[in-house]
Amino acid sequence: MIESVELNIYLDDDNNSVSLSLSPVQTEVIFKALGLQFHQDNTCSHFSDQTLKKHILPKVNFKEKPLS
């Protein structure tokens, strides 16, 4: 299950970026807006916009949740 997303926004060609950690609710909103759904094995099961899919999905990296 995907619990949260870290979103990196690249601002320009100098590799300046902003990193945001989204809560589970924010993650769900982003996924619903994109029409993005995943199977239990973290493979994409649905993406509403094929044009965006080729730009976004290659940049999705799954990581295990660190133990606290």
PDB file of N, CA and C in Angstrom:
ATOM      1  N   MET A   1       0.836  -1.172   0.000  1.00  0.00           N
ATOM      2  CA  MET A   1       0.000   0.000   0.000  1.00  0.00           C
ATOM      3  C   MET A   1       0.891   1.249   0.000  1.00  0.00           C
ATOM      4  N   ILE A   2       0.559   2.186  -0.818  1.00  0.00           N
ATOM      5  CA  ILE A   2       1.299   3.445  -0.872  1.00  0.00           C
ATOM      6  C   ILE A   2       0.737   4.357   0.206  1.00  0.00           C
ATOM      7  N   GLU A   3       1.600   4.805   1.108  1.00  0.00           N
ATOM      8  CA  GLU A   3       1.138   5.608   2.236  1.00  0.00           C
ATOM      9  C   GLU A   3       1.403   7.091   2.063  1.00  0.00           C
ATOM     10  N   SER A   4       2.433   7.436   1.336  1.00  0.00           N
ATOM     11  CA  SER A   4       2.735   8.855   1.144  1.00  0.00           C
ATOM     12  C   SER A   4       3.645   9.017  -0.062  1.00  0.00           C
ATOM     13  N   VAL A   5       3.798  10.258  -0.486  1.00  0.00           N
ATOM     14  CA  VAL A   5       4.606  10.578  -1.655  1.00  0.00           C
ATOM     15  C   VAL A   5       5.562  11.705  -1.306  1.00  0.00           C
ATOM     16  N   GLU A   6       6.784  11.585  -1.796  1.00  0.00           N
ATOM     17  CA  GLU A   6       7.705  12.720  -1.738  1.00  0.00           C
ATOM     18  C   GLU A   6       7.743  13.291  -3.148  1.00  0.00           C
ATOM     19  N   LEU A   7       7.390  14.545  -3.274  1.00  0.00           N
ATOM     20  CA  LEU A   7       7.280  15.206  -4.569  1.00  0.00           C
ATOM     21  C   LEU A   7       8.457  16.153  -4.747  1.00  0.00           C
ATOM     22  N   ASN A   8       9.212  15.959  -5.819  1.00  0.00           N
ATOM     23  CA  ASN A   8      10.323  16.853  -6.134  1.00  0.00           C
ATOM     24  C   ASN A   8       9.930  17.715  -7.320  1.00  0.00           C
ATOM     25  N   ILE A   9      10.026  19.019  -7.153  1.00  0.00           N
ATOM     26  CA  ILE A   9       9.711  19.968  -8.219  1.00  0.00           C
ATOM     27  C   ILE A   9      11.011  20.637  -8.634  1.00  0.00           C
ATOM     28  N   TYR A  10      11.385  20.446  -9.888  1.00  0.00           N
ATOM     29  CA  TYR A  10      12.630  21.019 -10.397  1.00  0.00           C
ATOM     30  C   TYR A  10      12.336  22.391 -10.983  1.00  0.00           C
ATOM     31  N   LEU A  11      13.054  23.395 -10.508  1.00  0.00           N
ATOM     32  CA  LEU A  11      12.738  24.781 -10.828  1.00  0.00           C
ATOM     33  C   LEU A  11      13.425  25.305 -12.081  1.00  0.00           C
ATOM     34  N   ASP A  12      14.626  24.845 -12.370  1.00  0.00           N
ATOM     35  CA  ASP A  12      15.344  25.340 -13.545  1.00  0.00           C
ATOM     36  C   ASP A  12      16.454  24.376 -13.928  1.00  0.00           C
ATOM     37  N   ASP A  13      17.303  24.781 -14.860  1.00  0.00           N
ATOM     38  CA  ASP A  13      18.366  23.914 -15.356  1.00  0.00           C
ATOM     39  C   ASP A  13      19.536  23.763 -14.398  1.00  0.00           C
ATOM     40  N   ASP A  14      19.561  24.512 -13.315  1.00  0.00           N
ATOM     41  CA  ASP A  14      20.667  24.438 -12.363  1.00  0.00           C
ATOM     42  C   ASP A  14      20.425  23.389 -11.281  1.00  0.00           C
ATOM     43  N   ASN A  15      19.497  22.500 -11.510  1.00  0.00           N
ATOM     44  CA  ASN A  15      19.157  21.436 -10.566  1.00  0.00           C
ATOM     45  C   ASN A  15      18.626  21.951  -9.236  1.00  0.00           C
ATOM     46  N   ASN A  16      18.067  23.150  -9.225  1.00  0.00           N
ATOM     47  CA  ASN A  16      17.392  23.652  -8.030  1.00  0.00           C
ATOM     48  C   ASN A  16      16.044  22.954  -7.930  1.00  0.00           C
ATOM     49  N   SER A  17      15.723  22.488  -6.745  1.00  0.00           N
ATOM     50  CA  SER A  17      14.453  21.789  -6.597  1.00  0.00           C
ATOM     51  C   SER A  17      13.841  22.052  -5.230  1.00  0.00           C
ATOM     52  N   VAL A  18      12.549  21.774  -5.161  1.00  0.00           N
ATOM     53  CA  VAL A  18      11.801  21.846  -3.913  1.00  0.00           C
ATOM     54  C   VAL A  18      11.278  20.441  -3.661  1.00  0.00           C
ATOM     55  N   SER A  19      11.438  19.959  -2.457  1.00  0.00           N
ATOM     56  CA  SER A  19      10.980  18.627  -2.106  1.00  0.00           C
ATOM     57  C   SER A  19       9.860  18.734  -1.078  1.00  0.00           C
ATOM     58  N   LEU A  20       8.756  18.074  -1.357  1.00  0.00           N
ATOM     59  CA  LEU A  20       7.606  18.091  -0.456  1.00  0.00           C
ATOM     60  C   LEU A  20       7.242  16.661  -0.075  1.00  0.00           C
ATOM     61  N   SER A  21       6.996  16.424   1.186  1.00  0.00           N
ATOM     62  CA  SER A  21       6.485  15.130   1.636  1.00  0.00           C
ATOM     63  C   SER A  21       4.984  15.281   1.833  1.00  0.00           C
ATOM     64  N   LEU A  22       4.222  14.516   1.070  1.00  0.00           N
ATOM     65  CA  LEU A  22       2.769  14.624   1.120  1.00  0.00           C
ATOM     66  C   LEU A  22       2.185  13.597   2.082  1.00  0.00           C
ATOM     67  N   SER A  23       1.152  13.998   2.775  1.00  0.00           N
ATOM     68  CA  SER A  23       0.453  13.098   3.697  1.00  0.00           C
ATOM     69  C   SER A  23      -0.336  12.060   2.889  1.00  0.00           C
ATOM     70  N   PRO A  24      -0.836  11.007   3.550  1.00  0.00           N
ATOM     71  CA  PRO A  24      -1.652  10.024   2.835  1.00  0.00           C
ATOM     72  C   PRO A  24      -2.865  10.642   2.132  1.00  0.00           C
ATOM     73  N   VAL A  25      -3.521  11.608   2.754  1.00  0.00           N
ATOM     74  CA  VAL A  25      -4.688  12.256   2.131  1.00  0.00           C
ATOM     75  C   VAL A  25      -4.256  13.052   0.903  1.00  0.00           C
ATOM     76  N   GLN A  26      -3.164  13.814   1.012  1.00  0.00           N
ATOM     77  CA  GLN A  26      -2.665  14.584  -0.133  1.00  0.00           C
ATOM     78  C   GLN A  26      -2.238  13.649  -1.262  1.00  0.00           C
ATOM     79  N   THR A  27      -1.632  12.527  -0.904  1.00  0.00           N
ATOM     80  CA  THR A  27      -1.218  11.537  -1.893  1.00  0.00           C
ATOM     81  C   THR A  27      -2.432  11.009  -2.647  1.00  0.00           C
ATOM     82  N   GLU A  28      -3.490  10.689  -1.916  1.00  0.00           N
ATOM     83  CA  GLU A  28      -4.715  10.188  -2.536  1.00  0.00           C
ATOM     84  C   GLU A  28      -5.312  11.221  -3.487  1.00  0.00           C
ATOM     85  N   VAL A  29      -5.302  12.487  -3.100  1.00  0.00           N
ATOM     86  CA  VAL A  29      -5.834  13.557  -3.952  1.00  0.00           C
ATOM     87  C   VAL A  29      -5.027  13.658  -5.242  1.00  0.00           C
ATOM     88  N   ILE A  30      -3.700  13.635  -5.136  1.00  0.00           N
ATOM     89  CA  ILE A  30      -2.837  13.711  -6.327  1.00  0.00           C
ATOM     90  C   ILE A  30      -3.104  12.523  -7.244  1.00  0.00           C
ATOM     91  N   PHE A  31      -3.162  11.317  -6.676  1.00  0.00           N
ATOM     92  CA  PHE A  31      -3.398  10.123  -7.484  1.00  0.00           C
ATOM     93  C   PHE A  31      -4.759  10.179  -8.168  1.00  0.00           C
ATOM     94  N   LYS A  32      -5.780  10.637  -7.454  1.00  0.00           N
ATOM     95  CA  LYS A  32      -7.112  10.738  -8.065  1.00  0.00           C
ATOM     96  C   LYS A  32      -7.120  11.779  -9.179  1.00  0.00           C
ATOM     97  N   ALA A  33      -6.422  12.896  -8.975  1.00  0.00           N
ATOM     98  CA  ALA A  33      -6.365  13.937 -10.005  1.00  0.00           C
ATOM     99  C   ALA A  33      -5.690  13.419 -11.270  1.00  0.00           C
ATOM    100  N   LEU A  34      -4.694  12.571 -11.109  1.00  0.00           N
ATOM    101  CA  LEU A  34      -3.986  12.004 -12.262  1.00  0.00           C
ATOM    102  C   LEU A  34      -4.677  10.763 -12.815  1.00  0.00           C
ATOM    103  N   GLY A  35      -5.665  10.245 -12.092  1.00  0.00           N
ATOM    104  CA  GLY A  35      -6.293   8.992 -12.499  1.00  0.00           C
ATOM    105  C   GLY A  35      -5.327   7.837 -12.358  1.00  0.00           C
ATOM    106  N   LEU A  36      -4.465   7.906 -11.363  1.00  0.00           N
ATOM    107  CA  LEU A  36      -3.382   6.943 -11.180  1.00  0.00           C
ATOM    108  C   LEU A  36      -3.755   5.917 -10.121  1.00  0.00           C
ATOM    109  N   GLN A  37      -3.652   4.635 -10.491  1.00  0.00           N
ATOM    110  CA  GLN A  37      -3.932   3.547  -9.558  1.00  0.00           C
ATOM    111  C   GLN A  37      -2.819   2.517  -9.673  1.00  0.00           C
ATOM    112  N   PHE A  38      -2.509   1.863  -8.555  1.00  0.00           N
ATOM    113  CA  PHE A  38      -1.455   0.856  -8.533  1.00  0.00           C
ATOM    114  C   PHE A  38      -1.995  -0.470  -8.026  1.00  0.00           C
ATOM    115  N   HIS A  39      -1.401  -1.570  -8.529  1.00  0.00           N
ATOM    116  CA  HIS A  39      -1.662  -2.901  -7.991  1.00  0.00           C
ATOM    117  C   HIS A  39      -0.902  -3.036  -6.675  1.00  0.00           C
ATOM    118  N   GLN A  40      -1.169  -4.105  -5.941  1.00  0.00           N
ATOM    119  CA  GLN A  40      -0.473  -4.358  -4.677  1.00  0.00           C
ATOM    120  C   GLN A  40       1.038  -4.515  -4.869  1.00  0.00           C
ATOM    121  N   ASP A  41       1.476  -4.961  -6.048  1.00  0.00           N
ATOM    122  CA  ASP A  41       2.914  -5.153  -6.287  1.00  0.00           C
ATOM    123  C   ASP A  41       3.593  -3.879  -6.807  1.00  0.00           C
ATOM    124  N   ASN A  42       2.925  -2.734  -6.656  1.00  0.00           N
ATOM    125  CA  ASN A  42       3.444  -1.408  -7.036  1.00  0.00           C
ATOM    126  C   ASN A  42       3.614  -1.209  -8.539  1.00  0.00           C
ATOM    127  N   THR A  43       2.890  -1.971  -9.337  1.00  0.00           N
ATOM    128  CA  THR A  43       2.867  -1.709 -10.769  1.00  0.00           C
ATOM    129  C   THR A  43       1.619  -0.892 -11.078  1.00  0.00           C
ATOM    130  N   CYS A  44       1.710  -0.073 -12.093  1.00  0.00           N
ATOM    131  CA  CYS A  44       0.600   0.811 -12.441  1.00  0.00           C
ATOM    132  C   CYS A  44      -0.540   0.004 -13.048  1.00  0.00           C
ATOM    133  N   SER A  45      -1.739   0.195 -12.542  1.00  0.00           N
ATOM    134  CA  SER A  45      -2.903  -0.490 -13.094  1.00  0.00           C
ATOM    135  C   SER A  45      -3.762   0.435 -13.947  1.00  0.00           C
ATOM    136  N   HIS A  46      -3.642   1.756 -13.730  1.00  0.00           N
ATOM    137  CA  HIS A  46      -4.448   2.701 -14.505  1.00  0.00           C
ATOM    138  C   HIS A  46      -3.825   4.084 -14.441  1.00  0.00           C
ATOM    139  N   PHE A  47      -3.851   4.774 -15.575  1.00  0.00           N
ATOM    140  CA  PHE A  47      -3.383   6.158 -15.640  1.00  0.00           C
ATOM    141  C   PHE A  47      -4.254   6.850 -16.669  1.00  0.00           C
ATOM    142  N   SER A  48      -4.906   7.937 -16.288  1.00  0.00           N
ATOM    143  CA  SER A  48      -5.929   8.544 -17.144  1.00  0.00           C
ATOM    144  C   SER A  48      -5.382   9.248 -18.378  1.00  0.00           C
ATOM    145  N   ASP A  49      -4.164   9.738 -18.326  1.00  0.00           N
ATOM    146  CA  ASP A  49      -3.626  10.533 -19.434  1.00  0.00           C
ATOM    147  C   ASP A  49      -2.344   9.892 -19.956  1.00  0.00           C
ATOM    148  N   GLN A  50      -2.429   9.268 -21.117  1.00  0.00           N
ATOM    149  CA  GLN A  50      -1.272   8.564 -21.673  1.00  0.00           C
ATOM    150  C   GLN A  50      -0.106   9.500 -21.991  1.00  0.00           C
ATOM    151  N   THR A  51      -0.393  10.762 -22.299  1.00  0.00           N
ATOM    152  CA  THR A  51       0.669  11.731 -22.575  1.00  0.00           C
ATOM    153  C   THR A  51       1.481  12.001 -21.315  1.00  0.00           C
ATOM    154  N   LEU A  52       0.806  12.191 -20.186  1.00  0.00           N
ATOM    155  CA  LEU A  52       1.505  12.407 -18.918  1.00  0.00           C
ATOM    156  C   LEU A  52       2.182  11.137 -18.420  1.00  0.00           C
ATOM    157  N   LYS A  53       1.575   9.992 -18.692  1.00  0.00           N
ATOM    158  CA  LYS A  53       2.101   8.721 -18.193  1.00  0.00           C
ATOM    159  C   LYS A  53       3.563   8.531 -18.574  1.00  0.00           C
ATOM    160  N   LYS A  54       3.920   8.834 -19.814  1.00  0.00           N
ATOM    161  CA  LYS A  54       5.302   8.604 -20.253  1.00  0.00           C
ATOM    162  C   LYS A  54       6.293   9.555 -19.582  1.00  0.00           C
ATOM    163  N   HIS A  55       5.808  10.663 -19.036  1.00  0.00           N
ATOM    164  CA  HIS A  55       6.692  11.613 -18.356  1.00  0.00           C
ATOM    165  C   HIS A  55       6.754  11.380 -16.848  1.00  0.00           C
ATOM    166  N   ILE A  56       5.671  10.888 -16.267  1.00  0.00           N
ATOM    167  CA  ILE A  56       5.593  10.754 -14.814  1.00  0.00           C
ATOM    168  C   ILE A  56       6.020   9.373 -14.324  1.00  0.00           C
ATOM    169  N   LEU A  57       5.487   8.308 -14.920  1.00  0.00           N
ATOM    170  CA  LEU A  57       5.759   6.976 -14.389  1.00  0.00           C
ATOM    171  C   LEU A  57       7.234   6.589 -14.376  1.00  0.00           C
ATOM    172  N   PRO A  58       8.037   6.968 -15.372  1.00  0.00           N
ATOM    173  CA  PRO A  58       9.464   6.605 -15.279  1.00  0.00           C
ATOM    174  C   PRO A  58      10.165   7.247 -14.084  1.00  0.00           C
ATOM    175  N   LYS A  59       9.574   8.260 -13.498  1.00  0.00           N
ATOM    176  CA  LYS A  59      10.193   8.955 -12.375  1.00  0.00           C
ATOM    177  C   LYS A  59       9.656   8.488 -11.019  1.00  0.00           C
ATOM    178  N   VAL A  60       8.767   7.494 -11.030  1.00  0.00           N
ATOM    179  CA  VAL A  60       8.214   6.973  -9.783  1.00  0.00           C
ATOM    180  C   VAL A  60       9.165   5.917  -9.233  1.00  0.00           C
ATOM    181  N   ASN A  61       9.618   6.114  -8.009  1.00  0.00           N
ATOM    182  CA  ASN A  61      10.489   5.155  -7.330  1.00  0.00           C
ATOM    183  C   ASN A  61       9.822   4.735  -6.034  1.00  0.00           C
ATOM    184  N   PHE A  62       9.707   3.443  -5.830  1.00  0.00           N
ATOM    185  CA  PHE A  62       9.090   2.936  -4.608  1.00  0.00           C
ATOM    186  C   PHE A  62      10.168   2.641  -3.579  1.00  0.00           C
ATOM    187  N   LYS A  63       9.914   3.042  -2.337  1.00  0.00           N
ATOM    188  CA  LYS A  63      10.839   2.788  -1.235  1.00  0.00           C
ATOM    189  C   LYS A  63      10.055   2.224  -0.065  1.00  0.00           C
ATOM    190  N   GLU A  64      10.710   1.362   0.674  1.00  0.00           N
ATOM    191  CA  GLU A  64      10.094   0.840   1.887  1.00  0.00           C
ATOM    192  C   GLU A  64       9.996   1.949   2.921  1.00  0.00           C
ATOM    193  N   LYS A  65       8.944   1.921   3.696  1.00  0.00           N
ATOM    194  CA  LYS A  65       8.777   2.899   4.769  1.00  0.00           C
ATOM    195  C   LYS A  65       9.815   2.607   5.854  1.00  0.00           C
ATOM    196  N   PRO A  66      10.604   3.623   6.243  1.00  0.00           N
ATOM    197  CA  PRO A  66      11.607   3.389   7.287  1.00  0.00           C
ATOM    198  C   PRO A  66      10.949   3.064   8.624  1.00  0.00           C
ATOM    199  N   LEU A  67      11.576   2.169   9.360  1.00  0.00           N
ATOM    200  CA  LEU A  67      11.067   1.834  10.689  1.00  0.00           C
ATOM    201  C   LEU A  67      11.440   2.935  11.658  1.00  0.00           C
ATOM    202  N   SER A  68      10.484   3.347  12.465  1.00  0.00           N
ATOM    203  CA  SER A  68      10.744   4.430  13.421  1.00  0.00           C
ATOM    204  C   SER A  68      11.151   3.885  14.764  1.00  0.00           C
TER     205      SER A  68
END
